[in-house]
Amino acid sequence: MTMAPLVLALAAGAMSASYSLCLRLAAGGINPALGALIVSATALPFSLGAFIATRDAPTGVALSTRGTVLMILAGVFAASTTIFAILAYSRGFKLSSSPIVVATQMSLVLVVGVVALDEPLGPSRILALALIALGVFLLQRAGV
């Protein structure tokens, strides 16, 4: 098994953590919708550069209508994530409580994967959901 997917996933996690940190530090100093607009405007040239740099890479992936629609939806969800996070942080949500956001994401992805995508649900995934729920409960008790 190649390590590339794990390394890329860890890099995505590090970028996501950096994103949350930037949102937390900006909260209260910017209108949430304007913040989402700035994030999107900044992401566009960065993404365009990455596309140009990798467009000749042999990925075997073609452009499809389904893929395009799903990426448009992902953009809506990303902008919504930015707006909701800035609103939460500006109303006192602590950066150290951000695992609640991640736990929500992980739980929903796991459930949708099992229910809609027929991914396996074994004992380890059930245990993972239980631990996520316990973690959210403990964080909430600690005064999110």
Protein backbone atom coordinates (compact mmCIF):
# COMPACT_ATOMS: atom_id res chain seq x y z
CA MET A 1 0.00 0.00 0.00
CA THR A 2 1.34 3.39 -0.96
CA MET A 3 1.68 6.13 1.65
CA ALA A 4 0.64 8.89 -0.77
CA PRO A 5 -3.08 8.89 0.14
CA LEU A 6 -2.28 9.08 3.87
CA VAL A 7 0.27 11.86 3.37
CA LEU A 8 -2.22 13.81 1.25
CA ALA A 9 -4.97 13.29 3.84
CA LEU A 10 -2.65 14.52 6.61
CA ALA A 11 -1.78 17.57 4.49
CA ALA A 12 -5.50 18.24 3.98
CA GLY A 13 -6.02 18.01 7.73
CA ALA A 14 -3.17 20.43 8.39
CA MET A 15 -4.60 22.89 5.86
CA SER A 16 -8.06 22.53 7.40
CA ALA A 17 -6.64 23.24 10.87
CA SER A 18 -4.84 26.32 9.50
CA TYR A 19 -8.08 27.42 7.87
CA SER A 20 -9.93 27.15 11.20
CA LEU A 21 -7.21 29.11 12.96
CA CYS A 22 -7.42 31.92 10.39
CA LEU A 23 -11.22 32.01 10.70
CA ARG A 24 -11.01 32.20 14.49
CA LEU A 25 -8.46 35.02 14.40
CA ALA A 26 -10.50 36.98 11.82
CA ALA A 27 -13.84 36.53 13.60
CA GLY A 28 -15.24 39.75 15.00
CA GLY A 29 -13.12 41.77 12.59
CA ILE A 30 -14.96 41.05 9.36
CA ASN A 31 -18.47 40.51 8.07
CA PRO A 32 -18.89 36.72 7.68
CA ALA A 33 -20.17 36.93 4.09
CA LEU A 34 -17.32 39.26 3.15
CA GLY A 35 -14.91 36.83 4.79
CA ALA A 36 -16.30 33.98 2.68
CA LEU A 37 -15.99 36.16 -0.42
CA ILE A 38 -12.34 36.95 0.34
CA VAL A 39 -11.61 33.25 0.96
CA SER A 40 -13.25 32.32 -2.35
CA ALA A 41 -11.51 35.10 -4.27
CA THR A 42 -8.16 34.04 -2.84
CA ALA A 43 -8.82 30.37 -3.55
CA LEU A 44 -9.64 31.01 -7.22
CA PRO A 45 -6.17 32.05 -8.45
CA PHE A 46 -4.51 29.46 -6.20
CA SER A 47 -6.74 26.71 -7.58
CA LEU A 48 -6.26 27.95 -11.14
CA GLY A 49 -2.49 27.76 -10.70
CA ALA A 50 -2.76 24.22 -9.32
CA PHE A 51 -5.00 23.26 -12.25
CA ILE A 52 -2.56 24.66 -14.79
CA ALA A 53 0.37 22.96 -13.08
CA THR A 54 -1.36 19.57 -13.00
CA ARG A 55 -3.53 19.63 -16.13
CA ASP A 56 -1.13 17.40 -18.06
CA ALA A 57 -0.74 14.93 -15.20
CA PRO A 58 -2.11 11.49 -16.11
CA THR A 59 -5.00 11.27 -13.67
CA GLY A 60 -7.39 9.36 -15.90
CA VAL A 61 -10.22 11.61 -14.71
CA ALA A 62 -12.48 13.24 -17.26
CA LEU A 63 -14.72 16.24 -16.80
CA SER A 64 -18.31 15.21 -16.30
CA THR A 65 -21.55 17.05 -15.66
CA ARG A 66 -22.01 15.13 -12.43
CA GLY A 67 -18.50 16.03 -11.25
CA THR A 68 -19.04 19.68 -12.14
CA VAL A 69 -22.39 19.89 -10.31
CA LEU A 70 -20.90 18.22 -7.24
CA MET A 71 -17.99 20.69 -7.20
CA ILE A 72 -20.43 23.61 -7.45
CA LEU A 73 -22.30 22.18 -4.47
CA ALA A 74 -18.98 21.75 -2.64
CA GLY A 75 -18.32 25.46 -3.26
CA VAL A 76 -21.68 26.36 -1.72
CA PHE A 77 -20.91 24.16 1.27
CA ALA A 78 -17.40 25.61 1.63
CA ALA A 79 -18.72 29.18 1.61
CA SER A 80 -21.41 28.19 4.11
CA THR A 81 -18.79 26.58 6.33
CA THR A 82 -16.79 29.80 6.31
CA ILE A 83 -19.81 31.94 7.15
CA PHE A 84 -21.08 29.66 9.93
CA ALA A 85 -17.60 29.31 11.44
CA ILE A 86 -16.95 33.07 11.49
CA LEU A 87 -20.38 33.60 13.06
CA ALA A 88 -19.70 30.93 15.71
CA TYR A 89 -16.24 32.29 16.54
CA SER A 90 -17.47 35.88 16.68
CA ARG A 91 -20.10 34.78 19.21
CA GLY A 92 -17.58 33.21 21.55
CA PHE A 93 -16.97 29.73 20.14
CA LYS A 94 -13.42 28.75 21.13
CA LEU A 95 -10.86 27.47 18.65
CA SER A 96 -10.13 24.66 21.11
CA SER A 97 -13.77 23.60 20.71
CA SER A 98 -13.36 23.18 16.96
CA PRO A 99 -13.22 19.39 17.34
CA ILE A 100 -17.01 19.63 17.66
CA VAL A 101 -17.12 20.82 14.05
CA VAL A 102 -14.78 18.02 12.99
CA ALA A 103 -16.76 15.45 14.99
CA THR A 104 -19.97 16.56 13.30
CA GLN A 105 -18.29 16.28 9.92
CA MET A 106 -16.82 12.85 10.66
CA SER A 107 -20.10 11.49 11.99
CA LEU A 108 -22.16 12.72 9.05
CA VAL A 109 -19.61 11.49 6.51
CA LEU A 110 -19.50 8.07 8.17
CA VAL A 111 -23.28 7.74 8.31
CA VAL A 112 -23.77 8.93 4.72
CA GLY A 113 -20.98 6.63 3.57
CA VAL A 114 -22.70 3.64 5.16
CA VAL A 115 -26.29 4.54 4.28
CA ALA A 116 -25.94 6.08 0.83
CA LEU A 117 -22.66 4.70 -0.51
CA ASP A 118 -22.86 1.16 0.86
CA GLU A 119 -19.57 1.44 2.72
CA PRO A 120 -19.00 -1.19 5.42
CA LEU A 121 -20.02 -0.54 9.02
CA GLY A 122 -17.91 -2.74 11.24
CA PRO A 123 -17.25 -2.72 14.96
CA SER A 124 -14.35 -0.27 14.63
CA ARG A 125 -16.57 2.31 12.90
CA ILE A 126 -19.31 1.88 15.48
CA LEU A 127 -16.70 2.36 18.21
CA ALA A 128 -15.39 5.44 16.39
CA LEU A 129 -18.89 6.97 16.30
CA ALA A 130 -19.35 6.24 20.00
CA LEU A 131 -16.01 7.85 20.84
CA ILE A 132 -16.85 10.88 18.71
CA ALA A 133 -20.18 11.26 20.53
CA LEU A 134 -18.41 10.90 23.89
CA GLY A 135 -15.84 13.52 22.87
CA VAL A 136 -18.54 16.00 21.86
CA PHE A 137 -20.35 15.36 25.15
CA LEU A 138 -17.16 15.93 27.17
CA LEU A 139 -16.31 19.10 25.27
CA GLN A 140 -19.82 20.43 25.78
CA ARG A 141 -19.64 19.69 29.52
CA ALA A 142 -16.31 21.52 29.68
CA GLY A 143 -18.03 24.67 28.47
CA VAL A 144 -17.67 24.94 24.74
